[in-house]
Protein backbone atom coordinates (compact mmCIF):
# COMPACT_ATOMS: atom_id res chain seq x y z
CA ALA A 1 1.40 -10.76 -242.72
CA THR A 2 -1.67 -9.27 -244.35
CA VAL A 3 -1.54 -5.79 -245.86
CA HIS A 4 -3.54 -4.22 -243.04
CA GLU A 5 -1.25 -5.82 -240.46
CA LYS A 6 1.98 -4.85 -242.21
CA TRP A 7 0.88 -1.30 -243.06
CA ASN A 8 -2.65 -0.18 -242.13
CA ALA A 9 -6.34 -0.51 -243.02
CA ASN A 10 -6.32 2.40 -245.48
CA THR A 11 -3.44 0.88 -247.44
CA ALA A 12 -5.26 -2.46 -247.47
CA ILE A 13 -8.44 -0.87 -248.82
CA LEU A 14 -6.54 1.00 -251.53
CA SER A 15 -4.65 -2.17 -252.46
CA GLY A 16 -7.94 -4.02 -252.84
CA ASP A 17 -9.31 -1.22 -255.01
CA VAL A 18 -6.28 -1.39 -257.30
CA MET A 19 -6.54 -5.17 -257.57
CA LEU A 20 -10.18 -4.82 -258.62
CA VAL A 21 -9.21 -2.31 -261.31
CA LYS A 22 -6.45 -4.67 -262.50
CA ALA A 23 -8.97 -7.51 -262.72
CA TYR A 24 -11.20 -5.37 -264.93
CA ASP A 25 -8.14 -4.57 -267.08
CA LEU A 26 -7.63 -8.31 -267.63
CA LEU A 27 -11.26 -8.69 -268.69
CA LEU A 28 -10.70 -6.16 -271.48
CA ASP A 29 -8.95 -8.90 -273.46
CA LEU A 30 -12.16 -10.95 -273.69
CA GLU A 31 -14.08 -11.29 -276.93
CA PRO A 32 -16.86 -8.68 -277.13
CA GLU A 33 -19.56 -11.34 -277.48
CA VAL A 34 -18.76 -12.83 -274.04
CA LEU A 35 -17.72 -9.70 -272.17
CA LYS A 36 -21.18 -8.71 -270.93
CA ASP A 37 -21.94 -12.19 -269.56
CA VAL A 38 -18.55 -12.36 -267.85
CA LEU A 39 -18.98 -8.91 -266.29
CA VAL A 40 -22.41 -9.86 -264.94
CA LEU A 41 -20.93 -12.98 -263.30
CA PHE A 42 -17.84 -11.12 -262.06
CA ASN A 43 -19.91 -8.37 -260.46
CA GLN A 44 -22.30 -10.89 -258.90
CA CYS A 45 -19.36 -12.78 -257.41
CA ALA A 46 -17.76 -9.58 -256.07
CA ALA A 47 -21.03 -8.49 -254.46
CA GLN A 48 -21.50 -11.89 -252.82
CA VAL A 49 -17.96 -11.83 -251.41
CA CYS A 50 -18.66 -8.39 -249.93
CA GLU A 51 -21.91 -9.68 -248.45
CA GLY A 52 -20.07 -12.62 -246.90
CA GLN A 53 -17.44 -10.30 -245.43
CA GLN A 54 -20.15 -8.09 -243.95
CA LEU A 55 -21.75 -11.14 -242.33
CA ASP A 56 -18.36 -12.18 -240.96
CA MET A 57 -17.92 -8.76 -239.37
CA LEU A 58 -21.44 -8.85 -237.92
CA PHE A 59 -20.84 -12.31 -236.46
CA GLU A 60 -17.80 -11.05 -234.52
CA ASN A 61 -20.19 -9.42 -232.04
CA ARG A 62 -22.63 -12.31 -231.78
CA ASP A 63 -22.40 -15.39 -229.64
CA ASN A 64 -25.41 -17.12 -231.18
CA VAL A 65 -24.43 -17.61 -234.84
CA THR A 66 -26.16 -20.71 -236.16
CA VAL A 67 -24.44 -23.36 -238.23
CA ASP A 68 -26.63 -22.42 -241.21
CA GLU A 69 -25.68 -18.74 -240.88
CA TYR A 70 -22.00 -19.65 -240.65
CA LEU A 71 -22.15 -21.97 -243.65
CA ASN A 72 -23.88 -19.26 -245.69
CA MET A 73 -21.21 -16.75 -244.69
CA ILE A 74 -18.32 -18.99 -245.74
CA ARG A 75 -20.17 -19.92 -248.94
CA LEU A 76 -20.36 -16.23 -249.81
CA LYS A 77 -16.77 -15.47 -248.81
CA THR A 78 -15.09 -18.50 -250.36
CA ALA A 79 -17.22 -20.93 -252.34
CA VAL A 80 -18.58 -18.31 -254.74
CA LEU A 81 -14.99 -17.50 -255.80
CA LEU A 82 -14.33 -21.09 -256.75
CA GLY A 83 -17.74 -21.37 -258.42
CA PHE A 84 -17.16 -18.23 -260.46
CA SER A 85 -13.70 -19.41 -261.48
CA LEU A 86 -15.05 -22.71 -262.70
CA GLN A 87 -17.98 -21.07 -264.47
CA LEU A 88 -15.68 -18.56 -266.15
């Protein structure tokens, strides 16, 4: 079960916030000369995932989502994570 199903939406949001903070903690171990570039990519990836999630929520109330819109949404929610991981 997902966090919001097992507990509630507020707990899920807080859990996500803590995981983001923990990710930034892990980035503190990077060499100073690469840290800025990594943070730029990390933040870009995080913003794109949020954008994809927003599109997913908007599409829940639409019955006319195009294939291109759907592919863009899943690219933002999923593919950018893999791309960032490989780039990192």
